[in-house]
């Protein structure tokens, strides 16, 4: 490490330039990763934050919530296995709402849930609603940017039904739209508004049953309830419309950035290593061990990678503070650690090419070239 640090002090401009390049590449990787994670969270946060580990859907629904239709018969069958408190129905419907207060339109997803059950929303501001409340909803706080405040009256364009906003929830979006929570009584009224043939006494169908269950209970449900399929939370998320294709494209972009970063760094250090062939030959002739020379090359890469990564993290967090709220961006500690580890790993992998070049240097030949 002494040799690595001494050389870096001697050739400050050269290594500073390499560090700037590494900084820009690592910043780009972190920023794109944050955008990818932010887009993913804006698509799935309502499902990801639910206190459920399994979901029951219709068997031929391709594990997609919106294609599934279940009834009280399936709900009662599931509750017989896991208990009433560990199973809750969920009905969802994408729609557009308007508000007279702000004269705006907003795309939303209605979630009809049992307000005393497993999926009851956690209100962070305002008042909760009960199963007996009529004409009231709880909305995701992102709708505040559209001018929908607590106390505002919103109207569903599909049915013409009006609802008063009584409270906010946080981080609750589905398929890039804020979630609006209503109780099952208002959901039944909305469905009857769409289908006038429904009887007032009939229960409106729902899409999915959220479960808090273990593997043994899941097997019992699959065996005792016909025409249903039990899926994990991960499977439910991956089948949200557009999620897999969106994340696949972004992950491919990030993977290419890692490969490009490794390739660029490998080329830079390889060129520098070729320029120092004579010096490496002299050191070998003096009896310097190959392990010491290899550690010198790897040490330089590690120092530059960690230093540039630290600065790029600060730049990324600073950029996040000035980004508009409408731009989804999220970097969790686990994502930061994984991304940083991969970046340092790719840098070290690229340095192995230079190490291989140093190992092939012939001491006598290098000294001959230096003498000439």
Protein backbone atom coordinates (compact mmCIF):
# COMPACT_ATOMS: atom_id res chain seq x y z
CA UNK A 1 0.00 0.00 0.00
CA UNK A 2 2.99 2.32 0.61
CA UNK A 3 3.97 2.09 -3.06
CA UNK A 4 0.38 2.76 -4.19
CA UNK A 5 -0.02 5.87 -2.03
CA UNK A 6 3.42 7.23 -2.93
CA UNK A 7 2.70 6.90 -6.65
CA UNK A 8 -0.71 8.56 -6.29
CA UNK A 9 0.88 11.52 -4.48
CA UNK A 10 3.51 11.81 -7.23
CA UNK A 11 1.00 11.71 -10.12
CA UNK A 12 -1.88 13.67 -8.61
CA UNK A 13 -3.34 14.96 -11.89
CA UNK A 14 -3.46 11.52 -13.52
CA UNK A 15 -5.22 9.82 -10.63
CA UNK A 16 -7.49 12.79 -9.99
CA UNK A 17 -8.74 12.50 -13.57
CA UNK A 18 -9.42 8.78 -13.09
CA UNK A 19 -11.23 9.53 -9.84
CA UNK A 20 -13.46 12.11 -11.54
CA UNK A 21 -14.41 9.57 -14.19
CA UNK A 22 -15.16 6.95 -11.53
CA UNK A 23 -17.18 9.52 -9.58
CA UNK A 24 -19.35 10.38 -12.59
CA UNK A 25 -19.93 6.73 -13.45
CA UNK A 26 -20.80 5.77 -9.86
CA UNK A 27 -23.11 8.79 -9.54
CA UNK A 28 -24.91 7.76 -12.72
CA UNK A 29 -25.28 4.18 -11.44
CA UNK A 30 -26.64 5.32 -8.06
CA UNK A 31 -29.00 7.89 -9.57
CA UNK A 32 -30.48 5.49 -12.11
CA UNK A 33 -30.80 2.84 -9.38
CA UNK A 34 -32.66 5.33 -7.18
CA UNK A 35 -35.01 6.22 -10.03
CA UNK A 36 -35.65 2.55 -10.77
CA UNK A 37 -36.44 1.83 -7.13
CA UNK A 38 -38.59 4.97 -6.92
CA UNK A 39 -40.60 3.94 -9.97
CA UNK A 40 -41.03 0.46 -8.53
CA UNK A 41 -42.22 1.82 -5.19
CA UNK A 42 -44.69 4.17 -6.89
CA UNK A 43 -46.10 1.10 -8.64
CA UNK A 44 -46.35 -1.32 -5.72
CA UNK A 45 -46.18 0.56 -2.39
CA UNK A 46 -49.82 -0.14 -1.48
CA UNK A 47 -49.27 -3.90 -1.85
CA UNK A 48 -45.72 -3.92 -0.46
CA UNK A 49 -46.82 -2.16 2.74
CA UNK A 50 -49.81 -4.39 3.38
CA UNK A 51 -49.53 -6.62 6.49
CA UNK A 52 -50.22 -9.73 4.41
CA UNK A 53 -47.87 -12.44 3.15
CA UNK A 54 -50.29 -14.33 0.88
CA UNK A 55 -53.19 -13.47 -1.41
CA UNK A 56 -56.06 -15.60 -2.67
CA UNK A 57 -57.08 -14.94 -6.28
CA UNK A 58 -59.29 -16.62 -8.84
CA UNK A 59 -57.54 -19.60 -10.41
CA UNK A 60 -57.76 -18.39 -14.02
CA UNK A 61 -56.80 -14.77 -13.24
CA UNK A 62 -53.11 -15.25 -14.11
CA UNK A 63 -52.23 -14.07 -10.58
CA UNK A 64 -53.46 -10.57 -11.44
CA UNK A 65 -55.71 -8.81 -8.94
CA UNK A 66 -57.86 -6.94 -11.45
CA UNK A 67 -58.71 -10.12 -13.38
CA UNK A 68 -59.86 -11.95 -10.27
CA UNK A 69 -63.44 -12.10 -8.99
CA UNK A 70 -64.26 -13.70 -5.63
CA UNK A 71 -67.38 -13.83 -3.43
CA UNK A 72 -68.28 -14.18 0.23
CA UNK A 73 -68.35 -17.96 -0.16
CA UNK A 74 -64.58 -18.06 -0.81
CA UNK A 75 -63.96 -15.53 1.98
CA UNK A 76 -65.86 -17.64 4.51
CA UNK A 77 -64.01 -20.76 3.40
CA UNK A 78 -60.64 -19.06 3.84
CA UNK A 79 -61.57 -17.59 7.22
CA UNK A 80 -62.53 -21.07 8.43
CA UNK A 81 -58.85 -21.98 8.07
CA UNK A 82 -56.96 -18.84 9.19
CA UNK A 83 -59.55 -17.02 11.33
CA UNK A 84 -61.51 -13.81 10.76
CA UNK A 85 -58.66 -11.50 11.80
CA UNK A 86 -56.14 -13.00 9.37
CA UNK A 87 -58.18 -12.76 6.16
CA UNK A 88 -59.65 -9.65 4.60
CA UNK A 89 -61.27 -8.95 1.26
CA UNK A 90 -59.89 -6.36 -1.13
CA UNK A 91 -61.72 -4.87 -4.08
CA UNK A 92 -59.97 -2.45 -6.41
CA UNK A 93 -60.99 -0.25 -9.30
CA UNK A 94 -58.94 2.27 -11.26
CA UNK A 95 -60.81 5.48 -11.98
CA UNK A 96 -60.57 9.25 -12.36
CA UNK A 97 -61.80 11.67 -9.74
CA UNK A 98 -62.53 15.38 -9.93
CA UNK A 99 -62.82 18.02 -7.26
CA UNK A 100 -64.63 21.33 -7.44
CA UNK A 101 -62.25 22.91 -4.93
CA UNK A 102 -59.21 22.62 -7.19
CA UNK A 103 -60.93 22.15 -10.54
CA UNK A 104 -58.56 19.27 -11.36
CA UNK A 105 -58.70 15.62 -12.35
CA UNK A 106 -56.60 12.84 -10.89
CA UNK A 107 -56.21 9.17 -11.78
CA UNK A 108 -56.65 7.00 -8.70
CA UNK A 109 -57.24 3.40 -7.64
CA UNK A 110 -60.11 2.72 -5.25
CA UNK A 111 -59.36 0.13 -2.56
CA UNK A 112 -62.44 -1.21 -0.78
CA UNK A 113 -61.46 -2.80 2.53
CA UNK A 114 -62.85 -3.77 5.90
CA UNK A 115 -62.04 -0.77 8.09
CA UNK A 116 -61.71 -3.05 11.13
CA UNK A 117 -59.76 -5.77 9.35
CA UNK A 118 -56.27 -6.68 8.27
CA UNK A 119 -56.06 -4.06 5.51
CA UNK A 120 -57.47 -1.07 7.40
CA UNK A 121 -55.45 2.02 6.32
CA UNK A 122 -53.16 3.72 8.84
CA UNK A 123 -54.21 7.36 8.91
CA UNK A 124 -51.32 9.80 9.42
CA UNK A 125 -53.46 12.95 9.38
CA UNK A 126 -57.17 13.56 9.70
CA UNK A 127 -59.87 11.14 10.84
CA UNK A 128 -60.46 7.45 10.26
CA UNK A 129 -63.65 6.07 8.75
CA UNK A 130 -65.68 3.08 9.93
CA UNK A 131 -67.57 0.37 8.11
CA UNK A 132 -70.80 2.30 8.74
CA UNK A 133 -69.54 5.66 7.50
CA UNK A 134 -71.09 6.74 4.23
CA UNK A 135 -69.64 9.05 1.60
CA UNK A 136 -66.17 9.38 3.17
CA UNK A 137 -62.75 8.26 1.96
CA UNK A 138 -59.11 8.22 3.03
CA UNK A 139 -56.60 9.10 0.31
CA UNK A 140 -52.88 8.85 -0.30
CA UNK A 141 -51.08 12.06 0.57
CA UNK A 142 -49.72 12.39 -2.98
CA UNK A 143 -53.17 13.67 -3.98
CA UNK A 144 -52.43 16.79 -1.93
CA UNK A 145 -50.26 17.91 -4.87
CA UNK A 146 -53.39 17.79 -7.05
CA UNK A 147 -55.21 20.11 -4.66
CA UNK A 148 -57.21 17.39 -2.90
CA UNK A 149 -57.13 18.33 0.77
CA UNK A 150 -58.75 16.97 3.90
CA UNK A 151 -62.33 18.20 3.70
CA UNK A 152 -62.37 18.27 -0.11
CA UNK A 153 -65.20 16.56 -1.96
CA UNK A 154 -64.16 14.31 -4.82
CA UNK A 155 -66.42 12.80 -7.49
CA UNK A 156 -65.85 9.48 -9.22
CA UNK A 157 -66.29 10.05 -12.95
CA UNK A 158 -67.42 6.48 -13.66
CA UNK A 159 -70.34 6.44 -11.23
CA UNK A 160 -70.90 10.09 -10.33
CA UNK A 161 -70.61 9.21 -6.62
CA UNK A 162 -69.25 11.94 -4.35
CA UNK A 163 -67.01 11.38 -1.34
CA UNK A 164 -65.57 13.62 1.35
CA UNK A 165 -61.85 13.27 2.13
CA UNK A 166 -61.43 12.75 5.89
CA UNK A 167 -57.78 11.71 6.16
CA UNK A 168 -54.43 10.96 4.56
CA UNK A 169 -52.33 7.81 4.38
CA UNK A 170 -48.70 7.69 3.28
CA UNK A 171 -46.84 5.61 0.68
CA UNK A 172 -49.93 3.96 -0.75
CA UNK A 173 -49.96 3.80 -4.54
CA UNK A 174 -50.93 1.12 -7.04
CA UNK A 175 -49.87 1.01 -10.67
CA UNK A 176 -48.49 4.57 -10.41
CA UNK A 177 -51.78 5.97 -9.09
CA UNK A 178 -52.61 7.14 -5.55
CA UNK A 179 -54.94 4.85 -3.60
CA UNK A 180 -58.32 6.00 -2.30
CA UNK A 181 -59.64 3.82 0.54
CA UNK A 182 -63.39 3.33 0.92
CA UNK A 183 -65.42 0.94 3.08
CA UNK A 184 -67.34 -2.02 1.69
CA UNK A 185 -70.71 -0.28 2.07
CA UNK A 186 -69.69 2.55 -0.27
CA UNK A 187 -68.04 0.02 -2.60
CA UNK A 188 -71.34 -1.84 -2.89
CA UNK A 189 -73.06 1.46 -3.71
CA UNK A 190 -70.47 2.21 -6.41
CA UNK A 191 -70.89 -1.22 -8.01
CA UNK A 192 -74.65 -0.90 -8.02
CA UNK A 193 -74.24 2.50 -9.61
CA UNK A 194 -72.38 0.81 -12.47
CA UNK A 195 -74.67 -2.22 -12.70
CA UNK A 196 -78.27 -1.26 -12.01
CA UNK A 197 -79.32 -4.90 -12.26
CA UNK A 198 -77.66 -5.64 -8.92
CA UNK A 199 -80.02 -6.06 -6.04
CA UNK A 200 -79.63 -3.80 -3.04
CA UNK A 201 -79.23 -6.77 -0.76
CA UNK A 202 -76.55 -8.55 -2.79
CA UNK A 203 -72.93 -8.20 -1.79
CA UNK A 204 -70.63 -6.63 -4.35
CA UNK A 205 -67.91 -9.03 -5.53
CA UNK A 206 -64.30 -8.31 -4.66
CA UNK A 207 -60.98 -9.15 -6.31
CA UNK A 208 -58.70 -10.74 -3.77
CA UNK A 209 -58.42 -12.02 -0.21
CA UNK A 210 -55.34 -10.85 1.73
CA UNK A 211 -53.97 -13.39 4.20
CA UNK A 212 -51.65 -13.47 7.15
CA UNK A 213 -51.00 -17.21 7.13
CA UNK A 214 -48.37 -19.92 7.32
CA UNK A 215 -47.47 -22.53 4.71
CA UNK A 216 -49.63 -25.22 6.32
CA UNK A 217 -52.72 -23.01 6.27
CA UNK A 218 -52.03 -22.13 2.64
CA UNK A 219 -52.04 -25.82 1.72
CA UNK A 220 -55.36 -26.31 3.54
CA UNK A 221 -56.91 -23.37 1.70
CA UNK A 222 -55.74 -24.70 -1.67
CA UNK A 223 -57.24 -28.12 -0.86
CA UNK A 224 -60.56 -26.94 0.62
CA UNK A 225 -61.46 -23.97 -1.60
CA UNK A 226 -62.22 -24.58 -5.26
CA UNK A 227 -61.26 -22.41 -8.22
CA UNK A 228 -58.79 -20.28 -6.24
CA UNK A 229 -55.02 -19.91 -6.16
CA UNK A 230 -52.90 -18.74 -3.24
CA UNK A 231 -49.94 -16.57 -4.26
CA UNK A 232 -47.14 -14.92 -2.30
CA UNK A 233 -46.72 -11.18 -1.93
CA UNK A 234 -43.75 -11.30 -4.31
CA UNK A 235 -45.85 -13.03 -6.98
CA UNK A 236 -48.66 -10.52 -6.48
CA UNK A 237 -46.24 -7.61 -6.95
CA UNK A 238 -44.58 -9.08 -10.04
CA UNK A 239 -48.00 -9.41 -11.72
CA UNK A 240 -49.07 -5.81 -11.22
CA UNK A 241 -49.62 -4.52 -14.79
CA UNK A 242 -46.43 -3.06 -16.25
CA UNK A 243 -44.25 -3.74 -13.20
CA UNK A 244 -42.11 -6.59 -14.56
CA UNK A 245 -41.49 -5.03 -17.98
CA UNK A 246 -40.69 -1.64 -16.46
CA UNK A 247 -38.26 -3.02 -13.91
CA UNK A 248 -36.72 -5.42 -16.45
CA UNK A 249 -35.79 -2.53 -18.74
CA UNK A 250 -34.35 -0.44 -15.91
CA UNK A 251 -32.38 -3.35 -14.44
CA UNK A 252 -30.87 -4.10 -17.86
CA UNK A 253 -29.82 -0.46 -18.12
CA UNK A 254 -28.20 -0.59 -14.66
CA UNK A 255 -26.43 -3.86 -15.51
CA UNK A 256 -24.96 -2.29 -18.65
CA UNK A 257 -23.78 0.68 -16.59
CA UNK A 258 -21.91 -1.68 -14.25
CA UNK A 259 -20.30 -3.48 -17.21
CA UNK A 260 -19.33 -0.19 -18.86
CA UNK A 261 -17.91 1.12 -15.58
CA UNK A 262 -15.78 -2.00 -15.13
CA UNK A 263 -14.59 -1.87 -18.74
CA UNK A 264 -13.64 1.83 -18.63
CA UNK A 265 -11.73 1.47 -15.38
CA UNK A 266 -9.96 -1.66 -16.62
CA UNK A 267 -8.78 0.16 -19.76
CA UNK A 268 -7.52 3.19 -17.81
CA UNK A 269 -5.51 1.13 -15.35
CA UNK A 270 -4.22 -1.19 -18.06
CA UNK A 271 -2.82 1.76 -20.00
CA UNK A 272 -1.19 3.13 -16.84
CA UNK A 273 0.27 -0.31 -16.09
CA UNK A 274 1.79 -0.54 -19.59
CA UNK A 275 3.41 2.86 -19.06
CA UNK A 276 5.00 1.57 -15.83
CA UNK A 277 6.32 -1.72 -17.25
CA UNK A 278 9.97 -0.70 -16.79
CA UNK A 279 9.43 0.34 -13.18
CA UNK A 280 7.71 -2.95 -12.40
CA UNK A 281 10.62 -4.82 -14.04
CA UNK A 282 13.18 -2.98 -11.92
CA UNK A 283 11.18 -3.69 -8.76
CA UNK A 284 11.03 -7.38 -9.68
CA UNK A 285 14.82 -7.41 -10.31
CA UNK A 286 15.29 -5.92 -6.85
CA UNK A 287 13.42 -8.87 -5.37
CA UNK A 288 10.01 -7.29 -4.80
CA UNK A 289 7.38 -9.98 -4.45
CA UNK A 290 4.61 -10.24 -7.02
CA UNK A 291 2.00 -10.22 -4.23
CA UNK A 292 3.27 -6.79 -3.12
CA UNK A 293 3.03 -5.39 -6.66
CA UNK A 294 -0.41 -6.90 -7.17
CA UNK A 295 -1.66 -5.43 -3.90
CA UNK A 296 -0.25 -2.05 -4.98
CA UNK A 297 -2.36 -2.08 -8.17
CA UNK A 298 -5.48 -3.39 -6.43
CA UNK A 299 -4.97 -0.92 -3.56
CA UNK A 300 -4.96 2.03 -5.94
CA UNK A 301 -8.20 0.87 -7.53
CA UNK A 302 -9.81 0.29 -4.12
CA UNK A 303 -8.83 3.71 -2.80
CA UNK A 304 -10.09 5.50 -5.89
CA UNK A 305 -13.31 3.44 -6.03
CA UNK A 306 -14.20 4.03 -2.36
CA UNK A 307 -13.31 7.73 -2.47
CA UNK A 308 -15.29 8.40 -5.67
CA UNK A 309 -18.21 6.31 -4.38
CA UNK A 310 -18.36 8.28 -1.12
CA UNK A 311 -18.49 11.59 -2.98
CA UNK A 312 -21.09 10.29 -5.45
CA UNK A 313 -23.29 9.17 -2.53
CA UNK A 314 -23.19 12.70 -1.14
CA UNK A 315 -24.03 14.11 -4.58
CA UNK A 316 -26.90 11.62 -4.98
CA UNK A 317 -28.44 12.55 -1.62
CA UNK A 318 -28.00 16.23 -2.43
CA UNK A 319 -29.68 15.74 -5.80
CA UNK A 320 -32.54 13.90 -4.11
CA UNK A 321 -33.25 16.93 -1.94
CA UNK A 322 -33.71 19.25 -4.93
CA UNK A 323 -35.73 16.83 -7.06
CA UNK A 324 -39.43 17.67 -7.41
CA UNK A 325 -41.84 15.56 -5.36
CA UNK A 326 -43.43 14.31 -8.57
CA UNK A 327 -40.21 12.50 -9.53
CA UNK A 328 -40.07 9.12 -7.77
CA UNK A 329 -36.68 8.49 -6.21
CA UNK A 330 -35.81 6.07 -3.44
CA UNK A 331 -32.55 4.63 -2.14
CA UNK A 332 -32.84 2.29 0.82
CA UNK A 333 -29.78 1.30 2.89
CA UNK A 334 -29.88 -2.24 1.49
CA UNK A 335 -29.98 -0.90 -2.09
CA UNK A 336 -27.08 1.47 -1.37
CA UNK A 337 -24.97 -1.33 0.10
CA UNK A 338 -25.71 -3.67 -2.80
CA UNK A 339 -25.04 -1.04 -5.46
CA UNK A 340 -21.86 0.16 -3.75
CA UNK A 341 -20.61 -3.39 -3.30
CA UNK A 342 -21.22 -4.19 -6.96
CA UNK A 343 -19.46 -1.01 -8.10
CA UNK A 344 -16.37 -1.70 -5.97
CA UNK A 345 -16.45 -5.35 -7.06
CA UNK A 346 -16.56 -4.42 -10.75
CA UNK A 347 -13.69 -1.98 -10.22
CA UNK A 348 -11.56 -4.64 -8.54
CA UNK A 349 -12.48 -7.15 -11.24
CA UNK A 350 -11.26 -4.71 -13.88
CA UNK A 351 -7.99 -4.24 -12.01
CA UNK A 352 -7.19 -7.95 -12.37
CA UNK A 353 -6.30 -7.33 -16.03
CA UNK A 354 -3.58 -4.94 -14.88
CA UNK A 355 -2.40 -7.43 -12.26
CA UNK A 356 -2.10 -10.10 -14.97
CA UNK A 357 -0.03 -7.69 -17.07
CA UNK A 358 2.31 -7.02 -14.13
CA UNK A 359 2.72 -10.76 -13.55
CA UNK A 360 3.92 -11.20 -17.16
CA UNK A 361 6.57 -8.48 -16.92
CA UNK A 362 10.06 -9.93 -17.40
CA UNK A 363 12.58 -8.18 -15.17
CA UNK A 364 15.62 -8.42 -17.52
CA UNK A 365 13.62 -7.40 -20.58
CA UNK A 366 12.09 -4.44 -18.75
CA UNK A 367 15.53 -3.30 -17.50
CA UNK A 368 16.87 -3.56 -21.05
CA UNK A 369 14.13 -1.32 -22.35
CA UNK A 370 14.70 1.14 -19.50
CA UNK A 371 18.46 1.24 -20.26
CA UNK A 372 17.84 1.81 -23.94
